[in-house]
Protein backbone atom coordinates (compact mmCIF):
# COMPACT_ATOMS: atom_id res chain seq x y z
CA MET A 1 -39.64 17.64 -48.69
CA PRO A 2 -35.71 18.03 -47.96
CA LEU A 3 -37.07 20.56 -45.32
CA LEU A 4 -39.00 17.69 -43.94
CA LEU A 5 -36.64 14.91 -44.15
CA LEU A 6 -34.20 17.14 -41.95
CA LEU A 7 -37.10 17.53 -39.75
CA ALA A 8 -37.83 13.70 -39.32
CA ALA A 9 -34.37 13.39 -38.79
CA PHE A 10 -34.01 15.75 -36.07
CA ALA A 11 -37.12 14.62 -34.36
CA VAL A 12 -35.66 11.08 -34.40
CA LEU A 13 -32.38 11.96 -32.94
CA PHE A 14 -34.22 13.54 -30.05
CA PHE A 15 -36.29 11.06 -29.56
CA TYR A 16 -33.54 8.77 -29.69
CA GLY A 17 -31.38 10.75 -27.45
CA VAL A 18 -34.53 11.26 -24.66
CA ALA A 19 -34.85 7.56 -24.65
CA LEU A 20 -31.21 7.34 -23.92
CA TYR A 21 -31.04 10.28 -21.52
CA ASN A 22 -34.28 8.23 -19.81
CA GLY A 23 -32.07 4.81 -19.48
CA LEU A 24 -29.21 6.48 -17.61
CA VAL A 25 -31.55 7.91 -15.39
CA ARG A 26 -33.58 4.67 -14.09
CA LEU A 27 -29.77 3.36 -14.13
CA ARG A 28 -28.55 6.00 -11.79
CA HIS A 29 -31.78 5.34 -9.78
CA MET A 30 -31.09 2.07 -9.91
CA VAL A 31 -27.67 2.77 -8.11
CA ALA A 32 -29.34 4.89 -5.81
CA ARG A 33 -31.88 2.54 -4.49
CA CYS A 34 -29.62 -0.48 -3.98
CA TRP A 35 -27.39 1.93 -2.14
CA THR A 36 -30.54 2.92 0.62
CA ASP A 37 -31.01 -1.14 0.73
CA ILE A 38 -27.33 -1.57 1.92
CA ASP A 39 -27.28 1.42 3.80
CA ALA A 40 -30.40 0.77 6.19
CA LEU A 41 -29.12 -2.75 6.62
CA LEU A 42 -25.90 -1.43 7.96
CA LYS A 43 -27.52 0.86 10.15
CA GLN A 44 -29.16 -2.24 11.46
CA ARG A 45 -26.03 -3.87 11.88
CA HIS A 46 -24.76 -0.90 13.03
CA GLU A 47 -27.12 -0.90 16.18
CA GLU A 48 -27.07 -4.42 16.77
CA LEU A 49 -23.32 -4.45 16.79
CA ALA A 50 -23.92 -1.63 20.03
CA LYS A 51 -26.06 -3.87 21.51
CA LEU A 52 -24.10 -7.03 21.01
CA VAL A 53 -20.80 -4.58 22.40
CA GLU A 54 -23.07 -4.02 25.58
CA ALA A 55 -24.06 -7.39 25.84
CA CYS A 56 -20.65 -8.24 25.71
CA ARG A 57 -19.23 -5.83 28.58
CA SER A 58 -20.46 -7.69 31.68
CA TYR A 59 -18.41 -10.62 30.49
CA SER A 60 -14.26 -10.15 31.24
CA GLN A 61 -13.82 -13.29 28.66
CA PHE A 62 -13.87 -10.07 26.39
CA ASP A 63 -10.99 -7.82 25.21
CA PRO A 64 -12.36 -4.29 26.30
CA SER A 65 -9.87 -3.27 23.66
CA LEU A 66 -11.82 -4.89 21.23
CA LEU A 67 -15.28 -4.01 21.90
CA GLY A 68 -13.97 -0.10 22.17
CA GLN A 69 -12.13 -0.48 18.28
CA VAL A 70 -15.47 -2.27 16.95
CA MET A 71 -17.30 1.11 19.05
CA GLU A 72 -14.66 3.34 17.54
CA THR A 73 -15.16 1.69 13.66
CA ARG A 74 -18.94 1.98 14.07
CA ALA A 75 -18.91 5.80 14.43
CA MET A 76 -15.98 6.11 11.46
CA LEU A 77 -18.35 4.49 9.02
CA SER A 78 -21.08 6.74 10.47
CA GLU A 79 -18.71 9.31 9.23
CA ALA A 80 -17.99 7.61 5.98
CA ALA A 81 -21.93 7.09 5.00
CA ARG A 82 -22.66 10.94 5.80
CA ALA A 83 -20.21 11.64 3.49
CA ALA A 84 -21.47 9.15 1.02
CA ASN A 85 -17.39 8.02 0.40
CA VAL A 86 -18.76 4.18 -0.50
CA GLY A 87 -14.61 3.50 -0.76
CA ARG A 88 -14.04 3.92 2.53
CA ILE A 89 -17.25 2.88 4.17
CA GLY A 90 -16.14 -0.70 1.83
CA GLU A 91 -12.55 -0.38 4.08
CA LEU A 92 -13.91 -0.33 7.79
CA GLU A 93 -16.45 -2.75 7.09
CA SER A 94 -14.13 -4.91 6.24
CA GLU A 95 -12.29 -3.88 9.61
CA LEU A 96 -15.50 -4.32 11.29
CA ARG A 97 -16.17 -7.50 10.12
CA SER A 98 -13.02 -8.58 11.16
CA LEU A 99 -13.66 -7.33 14.77
CA THR A 100 -17.39 -8.91 14.70
CA ALA A 101 -15.23 -12.09 13.95
CA GLN A 102 -12.92 -12.06 17.13
CA ILE A 103 -16.20 -11.42 19.28
CA PHE A 104 -17.68 -14.51 17.32
CA SER A 105 -14.39 -16.07 18.08
CA GLN A 106 -14.24 -15.22 21.71
CA ALA A 107 -18.03 -16.05 22.22
CA THR A 108 -16.94 -19.68 20.87
CA SER A 109 -13.99 -20.27 23.55
CA SER A 110 -16.53 -20.03 27.05
CA GLY A 111 -19.63 -22.45 27.58
CA GLU A 112 -20.82 -19.54 29.62
CA LEU A 113 -21.48 -17.00 26.98
CA LEU A 114 -22.60 -19.39 24.64
CA ALA A 115 -25.27 -19.88 26.82
CA ASP A 116 -26.89 -16.34 27.58
CA ARG A 117 -29.71 -16.27 25.65
CA GLN A 118 -29.27 -12.40 24.34
CA LEU A 119 -25.59 -12.76 23.13
CA GLN A 120 -26.53 -15.68 21.29
CA HIS A 121 -29.94 -13.59 19.92
CA ARG A 122 -27.55 -10.87 18.96
CA LEU A 123 -25.11 -12.75 16.81
CA VAL A 124 -27.49 -15.01 15.81
CA ARG A 125 -29.15 -11.35 13.99
CA ILE A 126 -25.70 -9.92 13.07
CA SER A 127 -25.14 -13.35 11.28
CA GLU A 128 -28.12 -12.32 9.38
CA GLN A 129 -28.08 -9.23 8.56
CA GLU A 130 -24.20 -10.12 6.80
CA GLU A 131 -25.96 -12.54 5.09
CA ALA A 132 -29.01 -10.21 3.92
CA ILE A 133 -25.98 -7.68 3.77
CA ALA A 134 -23.90 -9.61 0.59
CA ALA A 135 -27.44 -10.56 -0.92
CA HIS A 136 -28.12 -6.60 -1.83
CA ARG A 137 -24.17 -5.83 -1.98
CA GLU A 138 -24.40 -7.71 -5.24
CA ARG A 139 -27.13 -6.53 -6.20
CA TYR A 140 -25.70 -2.63 -5.93
CA ASN A 141 -22.67 -3.68 -7.59
CA GLU A 142 -24.65 -5.08 -10.76
CA ALA A 143 -26.84 -1.98 -10.93
CA VAL A 144 -22.88 0.01 -10.45
CA SER A 145 -21.53 -2.48 -13.10
CA ASN A 146 -24.69 -1.60 -15.39
CA ASN A 147 -24.70 2.09 -14.77
CA ASN A 148 -20.75 2.88 -15.67
CA VAL A 149 -20.87 0.59 -18.61
CA ARG A 150 -23.94 2.63 -20.58
CA ILE A 151 -21.96 5.48 -19.53
CA GLU A 152 -18.35 4.39 -21.53
CA GLN A 153 -20.46 3.06 -24.41
CA LEU A 154 -21.23 5.28 -27.26
CA PRO A 155 -23.96 6.74 -27.90
CA ASP A 156 -24.88 6.78 -24.22
CA LEU A 157 -21.41 8.09 -23.28
CA LEU A 158 -22.06 11.44 -25.47
CA VAL A 159 -25.53 12.06 -24.03
CA ALA A 160 -24.22 11.59 -20.18
CA HIS A 161 -20.76 13.34 -20.82
CA LEU A 162 -23.48 16.42 -21.31
CA CYS A 163 -25.73 16.07 -18.58
CA GLY A 164 -23.14 15.20 -15.91
CA PHE A 165 -23.74 11.86 -15.38
CA ARG A 166 -20.88 10.27 -13.61
CA ALA A 167 -19.63 6.52 -12.98
CA ALA A 168 -20.60 5.01 -9.55
CA GLN A 169 -18.33 3.92 -7.22
CA PRO A 170 -18.88 -0.20 -6.10
CA LEU A 171 -18.77 -1.86 -2.80
CA GLN A 172 -16.31 -3.71 -2.19
CA PHE A 173 -14.88 -5.78 1.02
CA ALA A 174 -11.48 -7.07 1.58
CA GLU A 175 -11.32 -10.74 -0.02
CA ALA A 176 -10.77 -12.25 3.92
CA GLU A 177 -13.74 -10.27 5.11
CA LYS A 178 -16.32 -11.71 2.17
CA ARG A 179 -17.41 -15.16 3.93
CA ASN A 180 -20.27 -14.96 5.91
CA LEU A 181 -19.78 -14.96 9.45
CA ASP A 182 -22.18 -17.67 11.32
CA GLY A 183 -23.95 -16.72 14.22
CA HIS A 184 -26.30 -20.06 13.77
CA GLU A 185 -23.07 -22.46 13.53
CA LEU A 186 -22.09 -21.32 16.86
CA PHE A 187 -25.07 -22.50 18.76
CA THR A 188 -25.80 -25.80 17.34
CA ARG A 189 -23.04 -27.71 17.77
């Protein structure tokens, strides 16, 4: 009888450990899926930015060094993404958003620029992508938070430590860069 109770207790602990492990795996995959969504949006926006820079190069109102900085930052972001360095991506995205805001500002200062349909399309498209990135960043950071809390709580902590689960890093932008760039606003005045 005691052996049967011991086996039953071991079976309960084993299946409880399996359930904890499976929950941690689900969270890890949720973080990865949310990151994939953000990564896809960032790549789309980076492609739009390249097209925007090309459209802007034909206008003397745009500072060539600003356009060069956009492309340089974009290239550094690609490297950070390949290295999966979320902290660096956040820093560079903040810088890129600041540079993009400068392009928006220069576009609003010229009636000729605001009349260019291609430029309008690019600015509005980037604005839409910024909104999507913000929404997906919230989902990603929530998944990261859920993951990190679970691997720090008992009894999940024991399973996480034994099985090599690691904390994920949230995607942070500088406070000043969290506001959305609004390309719609530029053309509805």
